[in-house]
Amino acid sequence: MTDGKLAVIFFEAGIVLTLISMVLGPFEITDPALAAASIACVCALAGMVMAFESWKEPEITQNSNETEEEKEQL
């Protein structure tokens, strides 16, 4: 799994936990709401780290099986 895909997973988990926190907060269920918000912050930070690390990865194309001669002809 690449860093870019892992970053998306962390961001999606953070969004879900944020929504859970936003729903629980108004009903005065504060302990689980604060726990979900704290974990969402950690997921968001982990997603940002993974996203910045994925900038260093080489681009993977679908035509990666081409030989050097085929690439020169294009």
PDB file of N, CA and C in Angstrom:
ATOM      1  N   MET A   1       0.859  -1.167   0.000  1.00  0.00           N
ATOM      2  CA  MET A   1       0.000   0.000   0.000  1.00  0.00           C
ATOM      3  C   MET A   1       0.909   1.235   0.000  1.00  0.00           C
ATOM      4  N   THR A   2       0.575   2.160  -0.868  1.00  0.00           N
ATOM      5  CA  THR A   2       1.397   3.359  -0.963  1.00  0.00           C
ATOM      6  C   THR A   2       1.033   4.356   0.130  1.00  0.00           C
ATOM      7  N   ASP A   3       1.921   5.325   0.328  1.00  0.00           N
ATOM      8  CA  ASP A   3       1.671   6.347   1.348  1.00  0.00           C
ATOM      9  C   ASP A   3       0.451   7.193   1.002  1.00  0.00           C
ATOM     10  N   GLY A   4       0.231   7.432  -0.280  1.00  0.00           N
ATOM     11  CA  GLY A   4      -0.924   8.229  -0.692  1.00  0.00           C
ATOM     12  C   GLY A   4      -2.239   7.558  -0.328  1.00  0.00           C
ATOM     13  N   LYS A   5      -2.324   6.253  -0.562  1.00  0.00           N
ATOM     14  CA  LYS A   5      -3.550   5.521  -0.223  1.00  0.00           C
ATOM     15  C   LYS A   5      -3.742   5.473   1.286  1.00  0.00           C
ATOM     16  N   LEU A   6      -2.651   5.306   2.014  1.00  0.00           N
ATOM     17  CA  LEU A   6      -2.733   5.276   3.471  1.00  0.00           C
ATOM     18  C   LEU A   6      -3.161   6.638   4.022  1.00  0.00           C
ATOM     19  N   ALA A   7      -2.725   7.714   3.389  1.00  0.00           N
ATOM     20  CA  ALA A   7      -3.128   9.054   3.813  1.00  0.00           C
ATOM     21  C   ALA A   7      -4.628   9.242   3.637  1.00  0.00           C
ATOM     22  N   VAL A   8      -5.171   8.742   2.538  1.00  0.00           N
ATOM     23  CA  VAL A   8      -6.614   8.858   2.302  1.00  0.00           C
ATOM     24  C   VAL A   8      -7.391   8.077   3.359  1.00  0.00           C
ATOM     25  N   ILE A   9      -6.889   6.906   3.719  1.00  0.00           N
ATOM     26  CA  ILE A   9      -7.564   6.109   4.749  1.00  0.00           C
ATOM     27  C   ILE A   9      -7.559   6.844   6.091  1.00  0.00           C
ATOM     28  N   PHE A  10      -6.423   7.449   6.449  1.00  0.00           N
ATOM     29  CA  PHE A  10      -6.359   8.211   7.701  1.00  0.00           C
ATOM     30  C   PHE A  10      -7.298   9.410   7.667  1.00  0.00           C
ATOM     31  N   PHE A  11      -7.363  10.105   6.538  1.00  0.00           N
ATOM     32  CA  PHE A  11      -8.268  11.249   6.446  1.00  0.00           C
ATOM     33  C   PHE A  11      -9.728  10.815   6.553  1.00  0.00           C
ATOM     34  N   GLU A  12     -10.083   9.709   5.913  1.00  0.00           N
ATOM     35  CA  GLU A  12     -11.465   9.231   5.997  1.00  0.00           C
ATOM     36  C   GLU A  12     -11.819   8.814   7.422  1.00  0.00           C
ATOM     37  N   ALA A  13     -10.891   8.153   8.107  1.00  0.00           N
ATOM     38  CA  ALA A  13     -11.143   7.780   9.498  1.00  0.00           C
ATOM     39  C   ALA A  13     -11.293   9.023  10.367  1.00  0.00           C
ATOM     40  N   GLY A  14     -10.489  10.033  10.109  1.00  0.00           N
ATOM     41  CA  GLY A  14     -10.607  11.278  10.863  1.00  0.00           C
ATOM     42  C   GLY A  14     -11.931  11.978  10.633  1.00  0.00           C
ATOM     43  N   ILE A  15     -12.414  11.958   9.395  1.00  0.00           N
ATOM     44  CA  ILE A  15     -13.700  12.592   9.100  1.00  0.00           C
ATOM     45  C   ILE A  15     -14.835  11.861   9.804  1.00  0.00           C
ATOM     46  N   VAL A  16     -14.804  10.529   9.784  1.00  0.00           N
ATOM     47  CA  VAL A  16     -15.855   9.749  10.452  1.00  0.00           C
ATOM     48  C   VAL A  16     -15.834  10.016  11.957  1.00  0.00           C
ATOM     49  N   LEU A  17     -14.657  10.027  12.552  1.00  0.00           N
ATOM     50  CA  LEU A  17     -14.572  10.292  13.990  1.00  0.00           C
ATOM     51  C   LEU A  17     -15.000  11.718  14.332  1.00  0.00           C
ATOM     52  N   THR A  18     -14.713  12.659  13.462  1.00  0.00           N
ATOM     53  CA  THR A  18     -15.160  14.039  13.691  1.00  0.00           C
ATOM     54  C   THR A  18     -16.679  14.129  13.660  1.00  0.00           C
ATOM     55  N   LEU A  19     -17.292  13.451  12.704  1.00  0.00           N
ATOM     56  CA  LEU A  19     -18.756  13.453  12.632  1.00  0.00           C
ATOM     57  C   LEU A  19     -19.376  12.789  13.856  1.00  0.00           C
ATOM     58  N   ILE A  20     -18.771  11.709  14.326  1.00  0.00           N
ATOM     59  CA  ILE A  20     -19.267  11.063  15.550  1.00  0.00           C
ATOM     60  C   ILE A  20     -19.177  12.026  16.721  1.00  0.00           C
ATOM     61  N   SER A  21     -18.084  12.736  16.831  1.00  0.00           N
ATOM     62  CA  SER A  21     -17.912  13.703  17.908  1.00  0.00           C
ATOM     63  C   SER A  21     -18.927  14.835  17.809  1.00  0.00           C
ATOM     64  N   MET A  22     -19.190  15.277  16.580  1.00  0.00           N
ATOM     65  CA  MET A  22     -20.147  16.370  16.386  1.00  0.00           C
ATOM     66  C   MET A  22     -21.577  15.945  16.722  1.00  0.00           C
ATOM     67  N   VAL A  23     -21.892  14.673  16.544  1.00  0.00           N
ATOM     68  CA  VAL A  23     -23.231  14.189  16.872  1.00  0.00           C
ATOM     69  C   VAL A  23     -23.374  13.975  18.376  1.00  0.00           C
ATOM     70  N   LEU A  24     -22.350  13.432  19.014  1.00  0.00           N
ATOM     71  CA  LEU A  24     -22.433  13.133  20.446  1.00  0.00           C
ATOM     72  C   LEU A  24     -22.348  14.381  21.323  1.00  0.00           C
ATOM     73  N   GLY A  25     -21.652  15.392  20.872  1.00  0.00           N
ATOM     74  CA  GLY A  25     -21.456  16.598  21.679  1.00  0.00           C
ATOM     75  C   GLY A  25     -22.741  17.292  22.105  1.00  0.00           C
ATOM     76  N   PRO A  26     -23.647  17.597  21.185  1.00  0.00           N
ATOM     77  CA  PRO A  26     -24.873  18.289  21.591  1.00  0.00           C
ATOM     78  C   PRO A  26     -25.779  17.488  22.535  1.00  0.00           C
ATOM     79  N   PHE A  27     -25.624  16.180  22.541  1.00  0.00           N
ATOM     80  CA  PHE A  27     -26.420  15.357  23.448  1.00  0.00           C
ATOM     81  C   PHE A  27     -25.751  15.194  24.810  1.00  0.00           C
ATOM     82  N   GLU A  28     -24.701  15.981  25.052  1.00  0.00           N
ATOM     83  CA  GLU A  28     -23.967  16.002  26.316  1.00  0.00           C
ATOM     84  C   GLU A  28     -23.360  14.654  26.675  1.00  0.00           C
ATOM     85  N   ILE A  29     -22.954  13.920  25.667  1.00  0.00           N
ATOM     86  CA  ILE A  29     -22.190  12.686  25.871  1.00  0.00           C
ATOM     87  C   ILE A  29     -20.735  13.089  25.650  1.00  0.00           C
ATOM     88  N   THR A  30     -20.173  13.747  26.649  1.00  0.00           N
ATOM     89  CA  THR A  30     -18.908  14.459  26.443  1.00  0.00           C
ATOM     90  C   THR A  30     -17.679  13.554  26.400  1.00  0.00           C
ATOM     91  N   ASP A  31     -17.620  12.541  27.246  1.00  0.00           N
ATOM     92  CA  ASP A  31     -16.401  11.711  27.278  1.00  0.00           C
ATOM     93  C   ASP A  31     -16.147  11.004  25.945  1.00  0.00           C
ATOM     94  N   PRO A  32     -17.122  10.290  25.385  1.00  0.00           N
ATOM     95  CA  PRO A  32     -16.865   9.674  24.070  1.00  0.00           C
ATOM     96  C   PRO A  32     -16.671  10.712  22.961  1.00  0.00           C
ATOM     97  N   ALA A  33     -17.337  11.853  23.071  1.00  0.00           N
ATOM     98  CA  ALA A  33     -17.177  12.896  22.058  1.00  0.00           C
ATOM     99  C   ALA A  33     -15.764  13.455  22.070  1.00  0.00           C
ATOM    100  N   LEU A  34     -15.227  13.690  23.266  1.00  0.00           N
ATOM    101  CA  LEU A  34     -13.847  14.177  23.368  1.00  0.00           C
ATOM    102  C   LEU A  34     -12.837  13.124  22.925  1.00  0.00           C
ATOM    103  N   ALA A  35     -13.106  11.867  23.236  1.00  0.00           N
ATOM    104  CA  ALA A  35     -12.206  10.798  22.807  1.00  0.00           C
ATOM    105  C   ALA A  35     -12.198  10.675  21.283  1.00  0.00           C
ATOM    106  N   ALA A  36     -13.382  10.742  20.677  1.00  0.00           N
ATOM    107  CA  ALA A  36     -13.464  10.651  19.220  1.00  0.00           C
ATOM    108  C   ALA A  36     -12.779  11.842  18.554  1.00  0.00           C
ATOM    109  N   ALA A  37     -12.940  13.025  19.129  1.00  0.00           N
ATOM    110  CA  ALA A  37     -12.295  14.211  18.564  1.00  0.00           C
ATOM    111  C   ALA A  37     -10.780  14.130  18.693  1.00  0.00           C
ATOM    112  N   SER A  38     -10.301  13.610  19.809  1.00  0.00           N
ATOM    113  CA  SER A  38      -8.852  13.480  20.004  1.00  0.00           C
ATOM    114  C   SER A  38      -8.253  12.480  19.020  1.00  0.00           C
ATOM    115  N   ILE A  39      -8.913  11.359  18.834  1.00  0.00           N
ATOM    116  CA  ILE A  39      -8.427  10.361  17.881  1.00  0.00           C
ATOM    117  C   ILE A  39      -8.516  10.899  16.460  1.00  0.00           C
ATOM    118  N   ALA A  40      -9.537  11.706  16.174  1.00  0.00           N
ATOM    119  CA  ALA A  40      -9.658  12.315  14.851  1.00  0.00           C
ATOM    120  C   ALA A  40      -8.489  13.254  14.570  1.00  0.00           C
ATOM    121  N   CYS A  41      -8.047  13.981  15.577  1.00  0.00           N
ATOM    122  CA  CYS A  41      -6.888  14.869  15.400  1.00  0.00           C
ATOM    123  C   CYS A  41      -5.625  14.070  15.107  1.00  0.00           C
ATOM    124  N   VAL A  42      -5.443  12.965  15.801  1.00  0.00           N
ATOM    125  CA  VAL A  42      -4.270  12.120  15.570  1.00  0.00           C
ATOM    126  C   VAL A  42      -4.323  11.521  14.161  1.00  0.00           C
ATOM    127  N   CYS A  43      -5.507  11.076  13.741  1.00  0.00           N
ATOM    128  CA  CYS A  43      -5.662  10.523  12.384  1.00  0.00           C
ATOM    129  C   CYS A  43      -5.378  11.585  11.334  1.00  0.00           C
ATOM    130  N   ALA A  44      -5.827  12.803  11.565  1.00  0.00           N
ATOM    131  CA  ALA A  44      -5.581  13.875  10.600  1.00  0.00           C
ATOM    132  C   ALA A  44      -4.095  14.189  10.498  1.00  0.00           C
ATOM    133  N   LEU A  45      -3.418  14.230  11.625  1.00  0.00           N
ATOM    134  CA  LEU A  45      -1.969  14.483  11.600  1.00  0.00           C
ATOM    135  C   LEU A  45      -1.216  13.345  10.913  1.00  0.00           C
ATOM    136  N   ALA A  46      -1.622  12.105  11.184  1.00  0.00           N
ATOM    137  CA  ALA A  46      -0.981  10.962  10.526  1.00  0.00           C
ATOM    138  C   ALA A  46      -1.240  10.999   9.026  1.00  0.00           C
ATOM    139  N   GLY A  47      -2.446  11.402   8.640  1.00  0.00           N
ATOM    140  CA  GLY A  47      -2.759  11.526   7.218  1.00  0.00           C
ATOM    141  C   GLY A  47      -1.924  12.599   6.544  1.00  0.00           C
ATOM    142  N   MET A  48      -1.691  13.706   7.237  1.00  0.00           N
ATOM    143  CA  MET A  48      -0.859  14.767   6.664  1.00  0.00           C
ATOM    144  C   MET A  48       0.584  14.301   6.498  1.00  0.00           C
ATOM    145  N   VAL A  49       1.098  13.581   7.479  1.00  0.00           N
ATOM    146  CA  VAL A  49       2.469  13.072   7.377  1.00  0.00           C
ATOM    147  C   VAL A  49       2.592  12.121   6.194  1.00  0.00           C
ATOM    148  N   MET A  50       1.625  11.211   6.069  1.00  0.00           N
ATOM    149  CA  MET A  50       1.659  10.262   4.955  1.00  0.00           C
ATOM    150  C   MET A  50       1.498  10.964   3.615  1.00  0.00           C
ATOM    151  N   ALA A  51       0.671  12.001   3.572  1.00  0.00           N
ATOM    152  CA  ALA A  51       0.474  12.722   2.313  1.00  0.00           C
ATOM    153  C   ALA A  51       1.749  13.436   1.887  1.00  0.00           C
ATOM    154  N   PHE A  52       2.449  14.041   2.832  1.00  0.00           N
ATOM    155  CA  PHE A  52       3.701  14.707   2.484  1.00  0.00           C
ATOM    156  C   PHE A  52       4.772  13.699   2.078  1.00  0.00           C
ATOM    157  N   GLU A  53       4.772  12.528   2.697  1.00  0.00           N
ATOM    158  CA  GLU A  53       5.734  11.493   2.329  1.00  0.00           C
ATOM    159  C   GLU A  53       5.441  10.933   0.940  1.00  0.00           C
ATOM    160  N   SER A  54       4.184  10.931   0.535  1.00  0.00           N
ATOM    161  CA  SER A  54       3.837  10.362  -0.767  1.00  0.00           C
ATOM    162  C   SER A  54       4.313  11.245  -1.917  1.00  0.00           C
ATOM    163  N   TRP A  55       4.675  12.489  -1.657  1.00  0.00           N
ATOM    164  CA  TRP A  55       5.205  13.347  -2.717  1.00  0.00           C
ATOM    165  C   TRP A  55       6.531  12.825  -3.238  1.00  0.00           C
ATOM    166  N   LYS A  56       7.250  12.072  -2.425  1.00  0.00           N
ATOM    167  CA  LYS A  56       8.559  11.561  -2.808  1.00  0.00           C
ATOM    168  C   LYS A  56       8.464  10.294  -3.655  1.00  0.00           C
ATOM    169  N   GLU A  57       7.285   9.673  -3.696  1.00  0.00           N
ATOM    170  CA  GLU A  57       7.126   8.430  -4.441  1.00  0.00           C
ATOM    171  C   GLU A  57       7.106   8.700  -5.938  1.00  0.00           C
ATOM    172  N   PRO A  58       7.701   7.801  -6.710  1.00  0.00           N
ATOM    173  CA  PRO A  58       7.627   7.968  -8.167  1.00  0.00           C
ATOM    174  C   PRO A  58       6.212   7.670  -8.664  1.00  0.00           C
ATOM    175  N   GLU A  59       5.850   8.310  -9.756  1.00  0.00           N
ATOM    176  CA  GLU A  59       4.532   8.081 -10.337  1.00  0.00           C
ATOM    177  C   GLU A  59       4.473   6.676 -10.928  1.00  0.00           C
ATOM    178  N   ILE A  60       3.403   5.958 -10.642  1.00  0.00           N
ATOM    179  CA  ILE A  60       3.213   4.619 -11.192  1.00  0.00           C
ATOM    180  C   ILE A  60       2.183   4.727 -12.306  1.00  0.00           C
ATOM    181  N   THR A  61       2.596   4.408 -13.495  1.00  0.00           N
ATOM    182  CA  THR A  61       1.685   4.458 -14.631  1.00  0.00           C
ATOM    183  C   THR A  61       1.174   3.062 -14.936  1.00  0.00           C
ATOM    184  N   GLN A  62       0.096   2.988 -15.673  1.00  0.00           N
ATOM    185  CA  GLN A  62      -0.463   1.695 -16.032  1.00  0.00           C
ATOM    186  C   GLN A  62       0.372   1.007 -17.096  1.00  0.00           C
ATOM    187  N   ASN A  63       1.156   1.762 -17.839  1.00  0.00           N
ATOM    188  CA  ASN A  63       1.984   1.201 -18.896  1.00  0.00           C
ATOM    189  C   ASN A  63       3.418   1.007 -18.419  1.00  0.00           C
ATOM    190  N   SER A  64       3.593   0.589 -17.178  1.00  0.00           N
ATOM    191  CA  SER A  64       4.935   0.462 -16.623  1.00  0.00           C
ATOM    192  C   SER A  64       5.680  -0.754 -17.175  1.00  0.00           C
ATOM    193  N   ASN A  65       5.002  -1.628 -17.906  1.00  0.00           N
ATOM    194  CA  ASN A  65       5.640  -2.821 -18.453  1.00  0.00           C
ATOM    195  C   ASN A  65       6.308  -2.561 -19.801  1.00  0.00           C
ATOM    196  N   GLU A  66       6.225  -1.350 -20.292  1.00  0.00           N
ATOM    197  CA  GLU A  66       6.838  -1.040 -21.569  1.00  0.00           C
ATOM    198  C   GLU A  66       8.355  -1.070 -21.446  1.00  0.00           C
ATOM    199  N   THR A  67       8.994  -1.487 -22.502  1.00  0.00           N
ATOM    200  CA  THR A  67      10.449  -1.485 -22.507  1.00  0.00           C
ATOM    201  C   THR A  67      10.957  -0.104 -22.898  1.00  0.00           C
ATOM    202  N   GLU A  68      12.234   0.093 -22.760  1.00  0.00           N
ATOM    203  CA  GLU A  68      12.828   1.381 -23.084  1.00  0.00           C
ATOM    204  C   GLU A  68      12.674   1.704 -24.581  1.00  0.00           C
ATOM    205  N   GLU A  69      12.741   0.679 -25.432  1.00  0.00           N
ATOM    206  CA  GLU A  69      12.603   0.912 -26.875  1.00  0.00           C
ATOM    207  C   GLU A  69      11.204   1.408 -27.217  1.00  0.00           C
ATOM    208  N   GLU A  70      10.194   0.837 -26.562  1.00  0.00           N
ATOM    209  CA  GLU A  70       8.825   1.265 -26.818  1.00  0.00           C
ATOM    210  C   GLU A  70       8.620   2.708 -26.351  1.00  0.00           C
ATOM    211  N   LYS A  71       9.254   3.083 -25.241  1.00  0.00           N
ATOM    212  CA  LYS A  71       9.118   4.444 -24.732  1.00  0.00           C
ATOM    213  C   LYS A  71       9.790   5.443 -25.696  1.00  0.00           C
ATOM    214  N   GLU A  72      10.928   5.041 -26.301  1.00  0.00           N
ATOM    215  CA  GLU A  72      11.621   5.933 -27.227  1.00  0.00           C
ATOM    216  C   GLU A  72      10.811   6.132 -28.508  1.00  0.00           C
ATOM    217  N   GLN A  73      10.073   5.118 -28.910  1.00  0.00           N
ATOM    218  CA  GLN A  73       9.279   5.231 -30.131  1.00  0.00           C
ATOM    219  C   GLN A  73       8.110   6.183 -29.935  1.00  0.00           C
ATOM    220  N   LEU A  74       7.641   6.285 -28.714  1.00  0.00           N
ATOM    221  CA  LEU A  74       6.520   7.195 -28.443  1.00  0.00           C
ATOM    222  C   LEU A  74       7.055   8.582 -28.438  1.00  0.00           C
TER     223      LEU A  74
END
